[in-house]
Amino acid sequence: MTKKRIYLLTGVLISAIVVGFLILNTITNPNEPAVSSVEYKQQIETERRKKDTFFRDDTGSPVTDKRSFTHLTYYAPTLAFRVSARLEPFADASQKMTVRLSDGSEEIYEKYAHAVFELNGQACRLLITKTNGNYSILFRDGTSGKTTYGGGRYLDLDADQLTGNRTTLDFNAAYNPYCAYNTSYACPLPPAENTLPVVVEAGEKQGEGH
């Protein structure tokens, strides 16, 4: 079977899901109105229901047995996993790296910056990469291979939120690559340095609900 390469959420799923999460990234912007924890959780749940609908009904869904699919599984959303991070850009903006895919092939990504932040009382550092004009973090943590997909999860970032020296990382928006649901996809694997020393009980879990 031919492998399908996938990097980030695309097509209808971007408009239905990712845009919703990018809107959430304005919640801590001082120029935006404050949003309560209750409102925030409601918005997260709304975006998750949209993704469930896409996975269940759309031809672009990676789910092979749509008749038995009901929903994806998630950790409950919490603002504790929405953190402010300091950006450390590379002095040489042209730096690139080789990213291995789940089928053993490789792709070249651009290195954009490191995001430095604190989570659960631990100092953390993650590499932000850029490919096809999209910014993302590919990461593993203490849940990987246990309650979340062993190959790691992804976090998409809005380019407009990367113009200063700080950004917001919302791990409630962390999601699995398509190869977690369909082995015909070849998905980028997190670089070794992007293994967090903490348990990130936020975002998408491993497996489907039935």
Protein backbone atom coordinates (compact mmCIF):
# COMPACT_ATOMS: atom_id res chain seq x y z
CA MET A 1 0.00 0.00 0.00
CA THR A 2 1.33 3.42 -0.96
CA LYS A 3 2.17 5.57 2.02
CA LYS A 4 0.47 8.94 2.25
CA ARG A 5 2.68 11.62 3.72
CA ILE A 6 1.07 14.00 6.14
CA TYR A 7 2.62 16.91 7.97
CA LEU A 8 -0.16 19.03 9.46
CA LEU A 9 -3.93 19.07 9.41
CA THR A 10 -5.10 20.05 5.92
CA GLY A 11 -8.12 21.06 3.84
CA VAL A 12 -11.49 21.09 5.53
CA LEU A 13 -9.95 20.03 8.80
CA ILE A 14 -7.85 23.19 8.94
CA SER A 15 -10.87 25.43 8.50
CA ALA A 16 -13.02 23.45 10.90
CA ILE A 17 -10.54 22.60 13.63
CA VAL A 18 -7.21 24.39 13.52
CA VAL A 19 -8.65 27.84 12.93
CA GLY A 20 -10.77 27.35 16.02
CA PHE A 21 -7.71 26.55 18.11
CA LEU A 22 -5.81 29.51 16.66
CA ILE A 23 -8.65 31.77 17.73
CA LEU A 24 -8.21 30.39 21.24
CA ASN A 25 -4.60 31.57 21.16
CA THR A 26 -5.84 35.17 21.52
CA ILE A 27 -7.33 34.48 24.96
CA THR A 28 -4.24 35.64 26.86
CA ASN A 29 -3.48 38.51 24.48
CA PRO A 30 -3.91 41.74 26.46
CA ASN A 31 -5.50 43.32 23.42
CA GLU A 32 -8.29 40.74 23.39
CA PRO A 33 -11.25 40.47 25.78
CA ALA A 34 -10.75 38.11 28.70
CA VAL A 35 -12.30 34.67 28.44
CA SER A 36 -13.30 32.69 31.50
CA SER A 37 -12.19 29.14 32.18
CA VAL A 38 -15.74 27.94 31.54
CA GLU A 39 -15.93 29.71 28.18
CA TYR A 40 -12.50 28.39 27.24
CA LYS A 41 -13.52 24.79 27.97
CA GLN A 42 -16.72 25.22 25.98
CA GLN A 43 -14.76 26.47 22.98
CA ILE A 44 -12.34 23.54 23.20
CA GLU A 45 -15.21 21.05 23.37
CA THR A 46 -16.89 22.69 20.36
CA GLU A 47 -13.73 22.31 18.25
CA ARG A 48 -13.37 18.69 19.35
CA ARG A 49 -16.91 17.91 18.23
CA LYS A 50 -16.12 19.43 14.83
CA LYS A 51 -13.09 17.18 14.51
CA ASP A 52 -15.18 14.14 15.47
CA THR A 53 -17.63 15.01 12.71
CA PHE A 54 -14.79 15.32 10.21
CA PHE A 55 -13.26 11.99 11.22
CA ARG A 56 -16.64 10.25 11.07
CA ASP A 57 -18.05 11.71 7.85
CA ASP A 58 -15.41 13.27 5.61
CA THR A 59 -13.67 11.43 2.76
CA GLY A 60 -10.39 12.97 3.92
CA SER A 61 -10.65 11.25 7.31
CA PRO A 62 -7.91 8.71 8.17
CA VAL A 63 -10.47 6.47 9.90
CA THR A 64 -10.99 3.27 7.89
CA ASP A 65 -14.13 2.01 9.66
CA LYS A 66 -16.31 5.10 9.86
CA ARG A 67 -19.46 3.12 10.72
CA SER A 68 -18.09 2.10 14.10
CA PHE A 69 -16.35 5.41 14.84
CA THR A 70 -18.10 7.73 17.30
CA HIS A 71 -15.49 10.09 18.71
CA LEU A 72 -11.85 10.64 19.56
CA THR A 73 -10.70 10.53 23.17
CA TYR A 74 -9.21 13.50 25.01
CA TYR A 75 -8.04 14.74 28.35
CA ALA A 76 -10.39 17.27 29.90
CA PRO A 77 -9.34 20.79 28.87
CA THR A 78 -7.58 22.83 31.53
CA LEU A 79 -5.82 26.19 31.51
CA ALA A 80 -2.97 24.60 33.50
CA PHE A 81 -1.62 23.26 30.20
CA ARG A 82 -1.87 26.58 28.40
CA VAL A 83 1.49 28.24 29.01
CA SER A 84 3.43 31.32 28.00
CA ALA A 85 6.77 30.54 26.36
CA ARG A 86 9.86 32.60 25.56
CA LEU A 87 11.03 32.32 21.97
CA GLU A 88 14.73 31.81 21.22
CA PRO A 89 15.19 32.18 17.46
CA PHE A 90 18.26 30.85 15.70
CA ALA A 91 20.96 33.35 14.79
CA ASP A 92 21.13 31.64 11.39
CA ALA A 93 17.57 31.71 10.08
CA SER A 94 18.44 29.24 7.32
CA GLN A 95 19.16 26.29 9.61
CA LYS A 96 17.54 23.04 8.53
CA MET A 97 17.19 19.56 9.98
CA THR A 98 16.33 16.06 8.83
CA VAL A 99 13.06 14.74 10.22
CA ARG A 100 12.40 11.00 10.11
CA LEU A 101 8.96 9.76 9.09
CA SER A 102 7.11 6.75 10.47
CA ASP A 103 7.78 4.72 7.30
CA GLY A 104 11.55 5.21 7.58
CA SER A 105 11.81 7.97 4.98
CA GLU A 106 13.07 11.48 5.73
CA GLU A 107 12.12 15.09 5.06
CA ILE A 108 13.95 18.38 5.49
CA TYR A 109 12.40 20.91 7.86
CA GLU A 110 13.45 24.44 8.75
CA LYS A 111 14.46 25.18 12.34
CA TYR A 112 12.53 28.24 13.47
CA ALA A 113 13.15 28.74 17.21
CA HIS A 114 13.12 27.11 20.60
CA ALA A 115 10.17 27.69 22.91
CA VAL A 116 11.28 27.87 26.56
CA PHE A 117 8.65 27.58 29.28
CA GLU A 118 7.74 26.01 32.61
CA LEU A 119 5.23 23.19 32.98
CA ASN A 120 4.33 21.36 36.18
CA GLY A 121 7.22 23.14 37.90
CA GLN A 122 9.76 21.87 35.36
CA ALA A 123 11.83 23.90 32.93
CA CYS A 124 11.00 22.78 29.38
CA ARG A 125 12.36 23.52 25.93
CA LEU A 126 10.88 22.52 22.57
CA LEU A 127 12.05 23.06 19.01
CA ILE A 128 9.61 24.80 16.67
CA THR A 129 9.95 23.69 13.05
CA LYS A 130 8.61 25.10 9.81
CA THR A 131 7.58 23.23 6.67
CA ASN A 132 5.38 24.23 3.75
CA GLY A 133 4.80 27.58 5.47
CA ASN A 134 3.40 25.92 8.62
CA TYR A 135 4.89 26.16 12.12
CA SER A 136 4.61 23.22 14.47
CA ILE A 137 6.05 21.40 17.46
CA LEU A 138 6.44 17.62 17.26
CA PHE A 139 6.84 16.27 20.78
CA ARG A 140 6.74 13.33 23.14
CA ASP A 141 6.13 13.38 26.88
CA GLY A 142 5.52 11.06 29.81
CA THR A 143 2.17 9.93 28.39
CA SER A 144 3.60 8.78 25.02
CA GLY A 145 3.01 5.09 24.43
CA LYS A 146 0.80 4.91 27.52
CA THR A 147 -2.30 7.07 27.28
CA THR A 148 -1.25 8.93 24.13
CA TYR A 149 0.14 7.84 20.76
CA GLY A 150 3.64 6.40 21.10
CA GLY A 151 4.89 8.16 17.99
CA GLY A 152 4.32 11.54 19.60
CA ARG A 153 1.84 14.35 19.13
CA TYR A 154 1.74 17.64 17.25
CA LEU A 155 1.03 21.22 18.25
CA ASP A 156 0.31 23.76 15.49
CA LEU A 157 1.31 27.40 15.92
CA ASP A 158 -0.10 30.54 14.34
CA ALA A 159 2.54 32.57 12.48
CA ASP A 160 0.92 35.77 13.80
CA GLN A 161 1.66 34.59 17.35
CA LEU A 162 5.38 34.18 16.59
CA THR A 163 6.27 37.77 15.73
CA GLY A 164 7.52 38.79 19.18
CA ASN A 165 9.76 37.14 21.75
CA ARG A 166 6.91 35.25 23.44
CA THR A 167 4.09 32.97 22.37
CA THR A 168 1.41 30.78 23.93
CA LEU A 169 1.58 26.99 23.82
CA ASP A 170 -1.79 25.35 24.36
CA PHE A 171 -1.29 21.63 24.94
CA ASN A 172 -5.06 21.18 25.07
CA ALA A 173 -4.79 21.46 21.28
CA ALA A 174 -2.14 18.71 20.98
CA TYR A 175 -3.25 16.09 18.46
CA ASN A 176 -2.21 12.77 16.99
CA PRO A 177 -0.84 12.42 13.46
CA TYR A 178 -2.96 10.47 10.97
CA CYS A 179 -0.67 7.43 11.20
CA ALA A 180 -2.05 6.89 14.71
CA TYR A 181 -5.33 5.90 13.02
CA ASN A 182 -4.21 4.56 9.66
CA THR A 183 -0.83 2.94 8.90
CA SER A 184 -1.05 3.95 5.23
CA TYR A 185 0.09 7.41 6.31
CA ALA A 186 3.73 8.32 6.87
CA CYS A 187 4.02 10.94 9.59
CA PRO A 188 6.94 13.02 10.93
CA LEU A 189 8.39 11.80 14.21
CA PRO A 190 9.50 14.21 16.97
CA PRO A 191 13.23 14.96 17.13
CA ALA A 192 15.00 13.48 20.15
CA GLU A 193 15.35 16.89 21.81
CA ASN A 194 11.56 17.32 21.84
CA THR A 195 10.93 14.75 24.57
CA LEU A 196 9.48 16.61 27.53
CA PRO A 197 10.52 15.66 31.07
CA VAL A 198 6.92 15.96 32.25
CA VAL A 199 3.59 14.21 31.85
CA VAL A 200 1.33 16.28 29.58
CA GLU A 201 -2.19 15.11 30.40
CA ALA A 202 -3.78 17.43 27.88
CA GLY A 203 -4.99 17.17 24.31
CA GLU A 204 -5.75 14.09 22.26
CA LYS A 205 -5.37 10.62 23.75
CA GLN A 206 -4.59 7.33 22.04
CA GLY A 207 -7.44 5.40 20.45
CA GLU A 208 -11.03 6.06 19.46
CA GLY A 209 -14.26 6.03 21.40
CA HIS A 210 -17.00 3.64 20.27
